[in-house]
PDB file of N, CA and C in Angstrom:
ATOM      1  N   MET A   1     135.535 117.652  91.194  1.00  0.00           N
ATOM      2  CA  MET A   1     133.612 117.705  91.440  1.00  0.00           C
ATOM      3  C   MET A   1     133.900 115.997  90.920  1.00  0.00           C
ATOM      4  N   PRO A   2     132.666 115.344  91.972  1.00  0.00           N
ATOM      5  CA  PRO A   2     132.437 114.010  91.749  1.00  0.00           C
ATOM      6  C   PRO A   2     132.056 113.767  90.783  1.00  0.00           C
ATOM      7  N   ARG A   3     132.453 112.738  90.138  1.00  0.00           N
ATOM      8  CA  ARG A   3     131.860 111.962  88.440  1.00  0.00           C
ATOM      9  C   ARG A   3     131.131 110.699  89.140  1.00  0.00           C
ATOM     10  N   LEU A   4     129.952 111.001  87.913  1.00  0.00           N
ATOM     11  CA  LEU A   4     128.876 110.127  88.043  1.00  0.00           C
ATOM     12  C   LEU A   4     129.076 109.248  86.138  1.00  0.00           C
ATOM     13  N   THR A   5     129.369 107.715  86.381  1.00  0.00           N
ATOM     14  CA  THR A   5     129.523 106.958  85.245  1.00  0.00           C
ATOM     15  C   THR A   5     127.851 106.355  84.846  1.00  0.00           C
ATOM     16  N   VAL A   6     127.343 106.645  83.980  1.00  0.00           N
ATOM     17  CA  VAL A   6     126.029 105.526  83.709  1.00  0.00           C
ATOM     18  C   VAL A   6     125.973 105.474  82.597  1.00  0.00           C
ATOM     19  N   ALA A   7     125.768 104.038  82.476  1.00  0.00           N
ATOM     20  CA  ALA A   7     125.370 103.891  80.582  1.00  0.00           C
ATOM     21  C   ALA A   7     126.160 104.282  79.638  1.00  0.00           C
ATOM     22  N   GLY A   8     127.625 104.065  80.021  1.00  0.00           N
ATOM     23  CA  GLY A   8     128.616 104.376  79.354  1.00  0.00           C
ATOM     24  C   GLY A   8     128.773 105.494  79.249  1.00  0.00           C
ATOM     25  N   LYS A   9     128.316 106.882  79.939  1.00  0.00           N
ATOM     26  CA  LYS A   9     128.735 107.942  80.022  1.00  0.00           C
ATOM     27  C   LYS A   9     128.893 108.314  81.373  1.00  0.00           C
ATOM     28  N   THR A  10     129.756 109.346  81.247  1.00  0.00           N
ATOM     29  CA  THR A  10     130.335 110.145  82.326  1.00  0.00           C
ATOM     30  C   THR A  10     130.017 111.626  82.666  1.00  0.00           C
ATOM     31  N   ALA A  11     129.974 112.140  83.605  1.00  0.00           N
ATOM     32  CA  ALA A  11     129.403 113.741  83.680  1.00  0.00           C
ATOM     33  C   ALA A  11     130.461 114.171  85.036  1.00  0.00           C
ATOM     34  N   GLU A  12     130.587 115.083  85.403  1.00  0.00           N
ATOM     35  CA  GLU A  12     130.782 115.742  86.766  1.00  0.00           C
ATOM     36  C   GLU A  12     129.524 116.551  87.285  1.00  0.00           C
ATOM     37  N   TRP A  13     129.341 116.410  88.960  1.00  0.00           N
ATOM     38  CA  TRP A  13     128.227 116.817  89.258  1.00  0.00           C
ATOM     39  C   TRP A  13     128.504 117.690  90.511  1.00  0.00           C
ATOM     40  N   SER A  14     127.947 118.543  91.417  1.00  0.00           N
ATOM     41  CA  SER A  14     128.271 118.786  92.253  1.00  0.00           C
ATOM     42  C   SER A  14     127.622 117.710  93.469  1.00  0.00           C
ATOM     43  N   ALA A  15     128.264 118.235  94.532  1.00  0.00           N
ATOM     44  CA  ALA A  15     127.867 117.335  95.618  1.00  0.00           C
ATOM     45  C   ALA A  15     126.180 117.006  96.633  1.00  0.00           C
ATOM     46  N   ASP A  16     126.223 118.267  96.073  1.00  0.00           N
ATOM     47  CA  ASP A  16     124.664 118.364  96.582  1.00  0.00           C
ATOM     48  C   ASP A  16     123.211 118.075  95.597  1.00  0.00           C
ATOM     49  N   THR A  17     123.585 117.333  94.528  1.00  0.00           N
ATOM     50  CA  THR A  17     122.705 117.071  93.201  1.00  0.00           C
ATOM     51  C   THR A  17     122.455 115.899  93.576  1.00  0.00           C
ATOM     52  N   ARG A  18     120.813 115.337  93.581  1.00  0.00           N
ATOM     53  CA  ARG A  18     120.550 114.276  93.345  1.00  0.00           C
ATOM     54  C   ARG A  18     120.787 113.099  92.652  1.00  0.00           C
ATOM     55  N   LEU A  19     121.036 111.775  92.832  1.00  0.00           N
ATOM     56  CA  LEU A  19     121.550 111.192  92.040  1.00  0.00           C
ATOM     57  C   LEU A  19     120.437 110.183  90.944  1.00  0.00           C
ATOM     58  N   VAL A  20     118.960 110.789  91.119  1.00  0.00           N
ATOM     59  CA  VAL A  20     117.955 110.087  90.279  1.00  0.00           C
ATOM     60  C   VAL A  20     118.217 111.652  88.811  1.00  0.00           C
ATOM     61  N   ASN A  21     117.811 112.753  89.412  1.00  0.00           N
ATOM     62  CA  ASN A  21     118.262 114.115  88.875  1.00  0.00           C
ATOM     63  C   ASN A  21     119.652 113.879  88.096  1.00  0.00           C
ATOM     64  N   ALA A  22     120.789 114.059  88.384  1.00  0.00           N
ATOM     65  CA  ALA A  22     121.715 113.623  87.838  1.00  0.00           C
ATOM     66  C   ALA A  22     121.964 112.813  86.705  1.00  0.00           C
ATOM     67  N   ILE A  23     120.984 111.314  87.044  1.00  0.00           N
ATOM     68  CA  ILE A  23     120.980 110.171  85.403  1.00  0.00           C
ATOM     69  C   ILE A  23     120.074 110.892  84.804  1.00  0.00           C
ATOM     70  N   GLU A  24     119.273 111.208  85.264  1.00  0.00           N
ATOM     71  CA  GLU A  24     117.915 111.858  84.358  1.00  0.00           C
ATOM     72  C   GLU A  24     118.664 112.792  82.870  1.00  0.00           C
ATOM     73  N   ASP A  25     119.514 113.864  84.008  1.00  0.00           N
ATOM     74  CA  ASP A  25     120.291 114.841  83.020  1.00  0.00           C
ATOM     75  C   ASP A  25     121.256 114.290  81.978  1.00  0.00           C
ATOM     76  N   MET A  26     121.630 113.127  82.193  1.00  0.00           N
ATOM     77  CA  MET A  26     122.821 112.384  81.242  1.00  0.00           C
ATOM     78  C   MET A  26     122.221 112.117  80.309  1.00  0.00           C
ATOM     79  N   GLY A  27     120.521 111.876  80.428  1.00  0.00           N
ATOM     80  CA  GLY A  27     119.809 111.173  79.311  1.00  0.00           C
ATOM     81  C   GLY A  27     119.191 109.891  79.569  1.00  0.00           C
ATOM     82  N   ILE A  28     119.583 110.214  80.529  1.00  0.00           N
ATOM     83  CA  ILE A  28     118.994 108.026  81.009  1.00  0.00           C
ATOM     84  C   ILE A  28     117.486 108.600  81.596  1.00  0.00           C
ATOM     85  N   HIS A  29     116.602 107.662  80.826  1.00  0.00           N
ATOM     86  CA  HIS A  29     115.085 108.072  81.210  1.00  0.00           C
ATOM     87  C   HIS A  29     114.739 107.218  82.403  1.00  0.00           C
ATOM     88  N   ILE A  30     115.485 107.425  83.302  1.00  0.00           N
ATOM     89  CA  ILE A  30     115.194 106.710  84.844  1.00  0.00           C
ATOM     90  C   ILE A  30     114.158 106.941  85.747  1.00  0.00           C
ATOM     91  N   GLY A  31     113.456 105.420  86.155  1.00  0.00           N
ATOM     92  CA  GLY A  31     111.972 105.792  86.374  1.00  0.00           C
ATOM     93  C   GLY A  31     111.988 106.915  88.106  1.00  0.00           C
ATOM     94  N   HIS A  32     111.293 107.474  88.187  1.00  0.00           N
ATOM     95  CA  HIS A  32     110.491 108.334  89.651  1.00  0.00           C
ATOM     96  C   HIS A  32     108.723 108.852  89.784  1.00  0.00           C
ATOM     97  N   ARG A  33     108.455 107.620  89.453  1.00  0.00           N
ATOM     98  CA  ARG A  33     107.061 107.882  89.532  1.00  0.00           C
ATOM     99  C   ARG A  33     106.453 108.733  90.483  1.00  0.00           C
ATOM    100  N   CYS A  34     107.002 108.173  91.630  1.00  0.00           N
ATOM    101  CA  CYS A  34     106.490 109.101  93.054  1.00  0.00           C
ATOM    102  C   CYS A  34     107.032 110.598  93.168  1.00  0.00           C
ATOM    103  N   GLY A  35     107.903 110.815  92.078  1.00  0.00           N
ATOM    104  CA  GLY A  35     108.759 112.374  92.339  1.00  0.00           C
ATOM    105  C   GLY A  35     109.869 112.180  93.222  1.00  0.00           C
ATOM    106  N   GLY A  36     110.235 111.038  93.696  1.00  0.00           N
ATOM    107  CA  GLY A  36     111.524 111.175  94.164  1.00  0.00           C
ATOM    108  C   GLY A  36     111.309 111.292  95.929  1.00  0.00           C
ATOM    109  N   LYS A  37     110.115 110.691  96.237  1.00  0.00           N
ATOM    110  CA  LYS A  37     110.191 110.808  97.406  1.00  0.00           C
ATOM    111  C   LYS A  37     110.229 109.630  98.364  1.00  0.00           C
ATOM    112  N   ALA A  38     110.785 108.496  97.718  1.00  0.00           N
ATOM    113  CA  ALA A  38     110.987 107.407  98.729  1.00  0.00           C
ATOM    114  C   ALA A  38     109.780 106.421  98.604  1.00  0.00           C
ATOM    115  N   ARG A  39     108.708 106.562  97.683  1.00  0.00           N
ATOM    116  CA  ARG A  39     107.333 105.229  97.920  1.00  0.00           C
ATOM    117  C   ARG A  39     107.364 104.322  96.741  1.00  0.00           C
ATOM    118  N   CYS A  40     107.589 104.582  95.456  1.00  0.00           N
ATOM    119  CA  CYS A  40     107.590 103.599  94.488  1.00  0.00           C
ATOM    120  C   CYS A  40     108.823 102.537  94.208  1.00  0.00           C
ATOM    121  N   THR A  41     109.964 103.533  94.453  1.00  0.00           N
ATOM    122  CA  THR A  41     111.056 102.212  94.144  1.00  0.00           C
ATOM    123  C   THR A  41     111.537 102.160  92.294  1.00  0.00           C
ATOM    124  N   THR A  42     110.892 103.031  91.421  1.00  0.00           N
ATOM    125  CA  THR A  42     111.343 102.836  90.422  1.00  0.00           C
ATOM    126  C   THR A  42     112.368 103.929  89.866  1.00  0.00           C
ATOM    127  N   CYS A  43     113.141 104.424  90.993  1.00  0.00           N
ATOM    128  CA  CYS A  43     114.305 104.639  90.604  1.00  0.00           C
ATOM    129  C   CYS A  43     115.767 103.873  91.189  1.00  0.00           C
ATOM    130  N   ARG A  44     115.507 102.587  91.272  1.00  0.00           N
ATOM    131  CA  ARG A  44     116.279 102.059  91.707  1.00  0.00           C
ATOM    132  C   ARG A  44     117.315 101.964  90.961  1.00  0.00           C
ATOM    133  N   VAL A  45     118.746 101.891  91.867  1.00  0.00           N
ATOM    134  CA  VAL A  45     120.025 101.625  90.466  1.00  0.00           C
ATOM    135  C   VAL A  45     120.633 100.331  91.318  1.00  0.00           C
ATOM    136  N   THR A  46     121.721  99.992  90.666  1.00  0.00           N
ATOM    137  CA  THR A  46     122.473  98.832  91.172  1.00  0.00           C
ATOM    138  C   THR A  46     123.803  99.895  91.063  1.00  0.00           C
ATOM    139  N   PHE A  47     124.524  99.385  92.188  1.00  0.00           N
ATOM    140  CA  PHE A  47     126.060  99.659  91.985  1.00  0.00           C
ATOM    141  C   PHE A  47     126.991  99.258  91.555  1.00  0.00           C
ATOM    142  N   ILE A  48     127.800  99.886  90.758  1.00  0.00           N
ATOM    143  CA  ILE A  48     128.925  98.942  90.110  1.00  0.00           C
ATOM    144  C   ILE A  48     129.927  99.167  90.808  1.00  0.00           C
ATOM    145  N   SER A  49     130.415 100.630  91.006  1.00  0.00           N
ATOM    146  CA  SER A  49     131.400 100.865  91.988  1.00  0.00           C
ATOM    147  C   SER A  49     130.643 102.276  93.135  1.00  0.00           C
ATOM    148  N   GLY A  50     131.566 102.312  94.016  1.00  0.00           N
ATOM    149  CA  GLY A  50     131.167 103.879  94.636  1.00  0.00           C
ATOM    150  C   GLY A  50     130.062 103.861  95.662  1.00  0.00           C
ATOM    151  N   GLU A  51     129.361 102.653  96.034  1.00  0.00           N
ATOM    152  CA  GLU A  51     128.268 102.559  96.630  1.00  0.00           C
ATOM    153  C   GLU A  51     128.652 103.560  98.241  1.00  0.00           C
ATOM    154  N   PRO A  52     127.221 104.545  98.342  1.00  0.00           N
ATOM    155  CA  PRO A  52     127.828 105.158  99.335  1.00  0.00           C
ATOM    156  C   PRO A  52     127.399 104.131 100.854  1.00  0.00           C
ATOM    157  N   ASP A  53     127.698 104.569 101.918  1.00  0.00           N
ATOM    158  CA  ASP A  53     127.829 103.855 103.018  1.00  0.00           C
ATOM    159  C   ASP A  53     126.762 103.978 104.203  1.00  0.00           C
ATOM    160  N   THR A  54     126.426 104.814 103.844  1.00  0.00           N
ATOM    161  CA  THR A  54     125.182 105.472 104.433  1.00  0.00           C
ATOM    162  C   THR A  54     123.858 105.532 103.374  1.00  0.00           C
ATOM    163  N   MET A  55     122.281 105.331 103.936  1.00  0.00           N
ATOM    164  CA  MET A  55     121.426 105.591 103.454  1.00  0.00           C
ATOM    165  C   MET A  55     120.361 106.195 104.518  1.00  0.00           C
ATOM    166  N   THR A  56     119.009 107.128 103.966  1.00  0.00           N
ATOM    167  CA  THR A  56     118.218 107.494 104.831  1.00  0.00           C
ATOM    168  C   THR A  56     117.218 106.660 105.062  1.00  0.00           C
ATOM    169  N   ALA A  57     116.686 107.036 106.528  1.00  0.00           N
ATOM    170  CA  ALA A  57     115.666 106.123 107.051  1.00  0.00           C
ATOM    171  C   ALA A  57     114.468 105.794 105.814  1.00  0.00           C
ATOM    172  N   ALA A  58     114.054 106.526 105.291  1.00  0.00           N
ATOM    173  CA  ALA A  58     113.002 106.526 104.401  1.00  0.00           C
ATOM    174  C   ALA A  58     113.556 105.244 103.389  1.00  0.00           C
ATOM    175  N   GLU A  59     114.640 105.058 103.045  1.00  0.00           N
ATOM    176  CA  GLU A  59     115.560 104.414 101.885  1.00  0.00           C
ATOM    177  C   GLU A  59     115.403 102.972 102.542  1.00  0.00           C
ATOM    178  N   TYR A  60     115.918 102.524 103.623  1.00  0.00           N
ATOM    179  CA  TYR A  60     115.695 101.991 104.337  1.00  0.00           C
ATOM    180  C   TYR A  60     114.260 101.394 104.356  1.00  0.00           C
ATOM    181  N   GLU A  61     113.566 101.845 104.776  1.00  0.00           N
ATOM    182  CA  GLU A  61     112.044 101.546 105.261  1.00  0.00           C
ATOM    183  C   GLU A  61     111.526 100.991 104.042  1.00  0.00           C
ATOM    184  N   LYS A  62     111.720 101.799 102.597  1.00  0.00           N
ATOM    185  CA  LYS A  62     111.074 101.367 101.277  1.00  0.00           C
ATOM    186  C   LYS A  62     111.895 100.145 100.896  1.00  0.00           C
ATOM    187  N   LEU A  63     112.543  99.878 101.016  1.00  0.00           N
ATOM    188  CA  LEU A  63     113.891  98.709 100.280  1.00  0.00           C
ATOM    189  C   LEU A  63     113.359  98.012 101.001  1.00  0.00           C
ATOM    190  N   LYS A  64     113.104  97.410 102.637  1.00  0.00           N
ATOM    191  CA  LYS A  64     112.608  96.310 103.349  1.00  0.00           C
ATOM    192  C   LYS A  64     111.440  96.121 103.194  1.00  0.00           C
ATOM    193  N   GLU A  65     110.748  97.083 103.006  1.00  0.00           N
ATOM    194  CA  GLU A  65     108.915  97.081 102.575  1.00  0.00           C
ATOM    195  C   GLU A  65     108.914  96.059 101.591  1.00  0.00           C
ATOM    196  N   ARG A  66     109.358  95.983 100.944  1.00  0.00           N
ATOM    197  CA  ARG A  66     109.826  95.488  99.235  1.00  0.00           C
ATOM    198  C   ARG A  66     110.613  94.535  99.013  1.00  0.00           C
ATOM    199  N   GLY A  67     110.922  93.976 100.133  1.00  0.00           N
ATOM    200  CA  GLY A  67     111.910  92.675  99.407  1.00  0.00           C
ATOM    201  C   GLY A  67     113.785  93.359  98.823  1.00  0.00           C
ATOM    202  N   LEU A  68     113.564  94.417  99.057  1.00  0.00           N
ATOM    203  CA  LEU A  68     115.006  94.979  98.026  1.00  0.00           C
ATOM    204  C   LEU A  68     116.370  95.082  98.503  1.00  0.00           C
ATOM    205  N   LEU A  69     115.804  95.375 100.137  1.00  0.00           N
ATOM    206  CA  LEU A  69     117.745  95.860 100.547  1.00  0.00           C
ATOM    207  C   LEU A  69     118.108  94.256 100.267  1.00  0.00           C
ATOM    208  N   GLY A  70     119.663  95.506 100.305  1.00  0.00           N
ATOM    209  CA  GLY A  70     120.811  94.592  99.727  1.00  0.00           C
ATOM    210  C   GLY A  70     120.884  94.079  98.327  1.00  0.00           C
ATOM    211  N   GLU A  71     119.931  94.790  97.485  1.00  0.00           N
ATOM    212  CA  GLU A  71     119.883  94.114  96.198  1.00  0.00           C
ATOM    213  C   GLU A  71     120.351  95.316  95.117  1.00  0.00           C
ATOM    214  N   TYR A  72     119.293  96.716  95.672  1.00  0.00           N
ATOM    215  CA  TYR A  72     119.218  97.759  95.260  1.00  0.00           C
ATOM    216  C   TYR A  72     119.463  98.892  95.983  1.00  0.00           C
ATOM    217  N   ARG A  73     119.242 100.371  95.418  1.00  0.00           N
ATOM    218  CA  ARG A  73     119.581 101.686  95.929  1.00  0.00           C
ATOM    219  C   ARG A  73     118.661 102.259  95.322  1.00  0.00           C
ATOM    220  N   LEU A  74     118.014 103.275  96.150  1.00  0.00           N
ATOM    221  CA  LEU A  74     117.128 104.374  95.654  1.00  0.00           C
ATOM    222  C   LEU A  74     117.723 105.325  95.200  1.00  0.00           C
ATOM    223  N   SER A  75     118.044 106.206  94.142  1.00  0.00           N
ATOM    224  CA  SER A  75     118.729 107.131  93.646  1.00  0.00           C
ATOM    225  C   SER A  75     118.089 108.343  94.080  1.00  0.00           C
ATOM    226  N   CYS A  76     116.977 108.205  94.444  1.00  0.00           N
ATOM    227  CA  CYS A  76     116.012 109.438  94.600  1.00  0.00           C
ATOM    228  C   CYS A  76     116.577 110.007  96.311  1.00  0.00           C
ATOM    229  N   GLN A  77     117.284 109.231  96.764  1.00  0.00           N
ATOM    230  CA  GLN A  77     117.731 109.409  98.225  1.00  0.00           C
ATOM    231  C   GLN A  77     119.004 109.219  98.330  1.00  0.00           C
ATOM    232  N   ILE A  78     120.183 109.413  97.241  1.00  0.00           N
ATOM    233  CA  ILE A  78     121.460 109.534  97.211  1.00  0.00           C
ATOM    234  C   ILE A  78     121.928 110.768  96.403  1.00  0.00           C
ATOM    235  N   LEU A  79     122.695 111.317  97.289  1.00  0.00           N
ATOM    236  CA  LEU A  79     123.586 112.443  96.419  1.00  0.00           C
ATOM    237  C   LEU A  79     124.805 112.302  95.877  1.00  0.00           C
ATOM    238  N   CYS A  80     125.479 112.835  95.121  1.00  0.00           N
ATOM    239  CA  CYS A  80     126.589 112.446  94.273  1.00  0.00           C
ATOM    240  C   CYS A  80     127.237 113.219  95.062  1.00  0.00           C
ATOM    241  N   THR A  81     128.267 112.304  96.300  1.00  0.00           N
ATOM    242  CA  THR A  81     128.698 113.380  96.898  1.00  0.00           C
ATOM    243  C   THR A  81     130.571 112.469  96.866  1.00  0.00           C
ATOM    244  N   HIS A  82     130.483 111.367  95.954  1.00  0.00           N
ATOM    245  CA  HIS A  82     131.634 111.178  95.430  1.00  0.00           C
ATOM    246  C   HIS A  82     131.464 110.171  94.180  1.00  0.00           C
ATOM    247  N   ASP A  83     132.640 109.931  93.346  1.00  0.00           N
ATOM    248  CA  ASP A  83     132.618 109.174  92.001  1.00  0.00           C
ATOM    249  C   ASP A  83     132.068 107.618  92.118  1.00  0.00           C
ATOM    250  N   MET A  84     131.255 106.853  91.760  1.00  0.00           N
ATOM    251  CA  MET A  84     130.356 106.050  91.488  1.00  0.00           C
ATOM    252  C   MET A  84     129.955 106.118  90.392  1.00  0.00           C
ATOM    253  N   GLU A  85     129.364 104.789  89.774  1.00  0.00           N
ATOM    254  CA  GLU A  85     129.180 104.193  88.318  1.00  0.00           C
ATOM    255  C   GLU A  85     127.779 103.500  88.864  1.00  0.00           C
ATOM    256  N   VAL A  86     126.883 103.440  88.286  1.00  0.00           N
ATOM    257  CA  VAL A  86     125.295 102.418  88.583  1.00  0.00           C
ATOM    258  C   VAL A  86     125.127 102.470  87.026  1.00  0.00           C
ATOM    259  N   GLU A  87     123.947 101.432  87.210  1.00  0.00           N
ATOM    260  CA  GLU A  87     123.159 100.698  86.328  1.00  0.00           C
ATOM    261  C   GLU A  87     121.721 101.249  86.569  1.00  0.00           C
ATOM    262  N   ALA A  88     120.829 101.930  85.852  1.00  0.00           N
ATOM    263  CA  ALA A  88     119.247 102.561  86.276  1.00  0.00           C
ATOM    264  C   ALA A  88     118.398 100.978  85.698  1.00  0.00           C
ATOM    265  N   VAL A  89     117.618 100.715  86.561  1.00  0.00           N
ATOM    266  CA  VAL A  89     116.735  99.809  86.508  1.00  0.00           C
ATOM    267  C   VAL A  89     115.802  99.928  85.918  1.00  0.00           C
ATOM    268  N   MET A  90     114.928 100.394  85.871  1.00  0.00           N
ATOM    269  CA  MET A  90     113.676 101.086  85.421  1.00  0.00           C
ATOM    270  C   MET A  90     113.506 102.178  84.390  1.00  0.00           C
ATOM    271  N   THR A  91     113.658 102.298  83.208  1.00  0.00           N
ATOM    272  CA  THR A  91     114.023 103.289  82.495  1.00  0.00           C
ATOM    273  C   THR A  91     112.620 103.245  81.707  1.00  0.00           C
ATOM    274  N   LEU A  92     112.232 104.015  81.156  1.00  0.00           N
ATOM    275  CA  LEU A  92     111.562 104.528  80.260  1.00  0.00           C
ATOM    276  C   LEU A  92     111.011 103.307  78.989  1.00  0.00           C
ATOM    277  N   GLU A  93     112.694 102.948  78.195  1.00  0.00           N
ATOM    278  CA  GLU A  93     112.670 102.394  77.227  1.00  0.00           C
ATOM    279  C   GLU A  93     112.000 101.007  77.459  1.00  0.00           C
ATOM    280  N   ASN A  94     112.413 100.475  78.865  1.00  0.00           N
ATOM    281  CA  ASN A  94     112.321  99.059  79.092  1.00  0.00           C
ATOM    282  C   ASN A  94     110.561  98.671  80.240  1.00  0.00           C
ATOM    283  N   GLN A  95     110.162  99.345  80.376  1.00  0.00           N
ATOM    284  CA  GLN A  95     109.321  99.407  81.018  1.00  0.00           C
ATOM    285  C   GLN A  95     107.637  99.397  79.975  1.00  0.00           C
ATOM    286  N   GLU A  96     107.253  98.188  80.044  1.00  0.00           N
ATOM    287  CA  GLU A  96     106.029  98.392  79.316  1.00  0.00           C
ATOM    288  C   GLU A  96     104.680  99.494  80.161  1.00  0.00           C
ATOM    289  N   GLY A  97     104.087 100.025  79.018  1.00  0.00           N
ATOM    290  CA  GLY A  97     102.887 100.747  79.365  1.00  0.00           C
ATOM    291  C   GLY A  97     103.344 101.786  80.223  1.00  0.00           C
ATOM    292  N   TRP A  98     104.608 102.341  80.146  1.00  0.00           N
ATOM    293  CA  TRP A  98     105.052 103.759  80.465  1.00  0.00           C
ATOM    294  C   TRP A  98     105.393 104.592  79.370  1.00  0.00           C
ATOM    295  N   THR A  99     104.319 105.713  79.996  1.00  0.00           N
ATOM    296  CA  THR A  99     104.583 107.121  78.635  1.00  0.00           C
ATOM    297  C   THR A  99     105.147 108.304  79.140  1.00  0.00           C
ATOM    298  N   ASP A 100     105.787 108.116  80.342  1.00  0.00           N
ATOM    299  CA  ASP A 100     106.791 109.131  81.027  1.00  0.00           C
ATOM    300  C   ASP A 100     107.436 108.255  82.293  1.00  0.00           C
ATOM    301  N   THR A 101     108.521 109.095  82.736  1.00  0.00           N
ATOM    302  CA  THR A 101     108.941 108.326  83.751  1.00  0.00           C
ATOM    303  C   THR A 101     108.512 109.210  85.570  1.00  0.00           C
ATOM    304  N   GLY A 102     107.438 110.278  85.053  1.00  0.00           N
ATOM    305  CA  GLY A 102     107.369 110.675  86.590  1.00  0.00           C
ATOM    306  C   GLY A 102     107.389 112.271  86.699  1.00  0.00           C
ATOM    307  N   PRO A 103     107.012 112.442  87.601  1.00  0.00           N
ATOM    308  CA  PRO A 103     107.315 114.196  87.704  1.00  0.00           C
ATOM    309  C   PRO A 103     108.867 114.449  88.528  1.00  0.00           C
ATOM    310  N   ARG A 104     109.286 115.442  87.692  1.00  0.00           N
ATOM    311  CA  ARG A 104     110.707 115.498  87.942  1.00  0.00           C
ATOM    312  C   ARG A 104     111.076 115.886  89.677  1.00  0.00           C
ATOM    313  N   PRO A 105     111.911 115.131  90.174  1.00  0.00           N
ATOM    314  CA  PRO A 105     112.349 115.207  91.422  1.00  0.00           C
ATOM    315  C   PRO A 105     112.860 116.304  92.027  1.00  0.00           C
ATOM    316  N   THR A 106     112.074 117.004  93.006  1.00  0.00           N
ATOM    317  CA  THR A 106     113.171 118.394  93.767  1.00  0.00           C
ATOM    318  C   THR A 106     114.389 118.295  93.573  1.00  0.00           C
ATOM    319  N   ASP A 107     115.020 119.601  93.689  1.00  0.00           N
ATOM    320  CA  ASP A 107     116.701 119.346  93.957  1.00  0.00           C
ATOM    321  C   ASP A 107     117.046 118.777  95.150  1.00  0.00           C
ATOM    322  N   THR A 108     116.526 118.665  96.384  1.00  0.00           N
ATOM    323  CA  THR A 108     116.487 118.743  97.619  1.00  0.00           C
ATOM    324  C   THR A 108     115.469 117.009  98.264  1.00  0.00           C
ATOM    325  N   VAL A 109     116.749 116.448  98.845  1.00  0.00           N
ATOM    326  CA  VAL A 109     115.843 114.901  99.074  1.00  0.00           C
ATOM    327  C   VAL A 109     114.750 114.922 100.081  1.00  0.00           C
ATOM    328  N   GLU A 110     113.995 114.255  99.551  1.00  0.00           N
ATOM    329  CA  GLU A 110     112.648 114.521 100.412  1.00  0.00           C
ATOM    330  C   GLU A 110     112.469 112.850 100.266  1.00  0.00           C
ATOM    331  N   PRO A 111     111.815 112.476 101.761  1.00  0.00           N
ATOM    332  CA  PRO A 111     111.065 113.422 102.824  1.00  0.00           C
ATOM    333  C   PRO A 111     112.930 114.024 103.686  1.00  0.00           C
ATOM    334  N   ALA A 112     112.476 115.040 104.216  1.00  0.00           N
ATOM    335  CA  ALA A 112     113.268 115.449 104.649  1.00  0.00           C
ATOM    336  C   ALA A 112     114.630 114.438 105.048  1.00  0.00           C
ATOM    337  N   ALA A 113     115.561 114.424 104.581  1.00  0.00           N
ATOM    338  CA  ALA A 113     116.399 113.266 104.873  1.00  0.00           C
ATOM    339  C   ALA A 113     117.868 113.489 105.715  1.00  0.00           C
ATOM    340  N   GLU A 114     118.046 112.715 106.737  1.00  0.00           N
ATOM    341  CA  GLU A 114     119.147 112.380 107.186  1.00  0.00           C
ATOM    342  C   GLU A 114     120.117 111.055 107.064  1.00  0.00           C
ATOM    343  N   TRP A 115     121.018 110.552 106.669  1.00  0.00           N
ATOM    344  CA  TRP A 115     121.943 109.915 106.467  1.00  0.00           C
ATOM    345  C   TRP A 115     122.540 108.922 107.490  1.00  0.00           C
ATOM    346  N   PHE A 116     122.271 107.446 107.686  1.00  0.00           N
ATOM    347  CA  PHE A 116     122.508 107.369 109.009  1.00  0.00           C
ATOM    348  C   PHE A 116     123.620 106.070 107.683  1.00  0.00           C
ATOM    349  N   PRO A 117     124.855 105.271 108.581  1.00  0.00           N
ATOM    350  CA  PRO A 117     125.526 104.258 108.334  1.00  0.00           C
ATOM    351  C   PRO A 117     124.841 103.331 108.148  1.00  0.00           C
ATOM    352  N   LYS A 118     124.688 102.364 106.690  1.00  0.00           N
ATOM    353  CA  LYS A 118     124.255 101.333 106.697  1.00  0.00           C
ATOM    354  C   LYS A 118     123.996 100.243 107.433  1.00  0.00           C
ATOM    355  N   SER A 119     125.345 100.638 108.441  1.00  0.00           N
ATOM    356  CA  SER A 119     125.213  99.369 109.447  1.00  0.00           C
ATOM    357  C   SER A 119     124.280  99.580 110.364  1.00  0.00           C
ATOM    358  N   THR A 120     123.566 100.629 110.843  1.00  0.00           N
ATOM    359  CA  THR A 120     122.906 101.350 111.810  1.00  0.00           C
ATOM    360  C   THR A 120     121.410 100.403 111.540  1.00  0.00           C
ATOM    361  N   PHE A 121     121.306  99.950 110.056  1.00  0.00           N
ATOM    362  CA  PHE A 121     119.836  99.103 109.798  1.00  0.00           C
ATOM    363  C   PHE A 121     120.016  97.906 109.572  1.00  0.00           C
ATOM    364  N   GLY A 122     121.489  97.215 110.152  1.00  0.00           N
ATOM    365  CA  GLY A 122     122.210  96.025 109.377  1.00  0.00           C
ATOM    366  C   GLY A 122     122.033  95.538 107.954  1.00  0.00           C
ATOM    367  N   ALA A 123     122.224  96.640 107.404  1.00  0.00           N
ATOM    368  CA  ALA A 123     122.131  96.294 106.045  1.00  0.00           C
ATOM    369  C   ALA A 123     123.808  96.460 105.233  1.00  0.00           C
TER     370      ALA A 123
END
């Protein structure tokens, strides 16, 4: 099973687990203010290792729109298909005024996901 490391914690996850949910289930209060629908970018992560070579069109469009393409990835659009180490950027602890992280994302990537090689987008 793939291993995820975040904030010094490591756990194994099935390959169909959304990265945002795995991070949260590891006790990291990562943001997901839009409920994991690639609309808000509060679930952004930086990759220390294991960055996927693919991304969804929704992730690409939102990162491009916000000027974040190439700097961050959206954990709501990534599955734990292989070993990776990430850093959660926006958490309950570091965001002033947050009282929660948002509604828990569903187990299935939304909007309906189709992954493309990052090179498709020039990313």
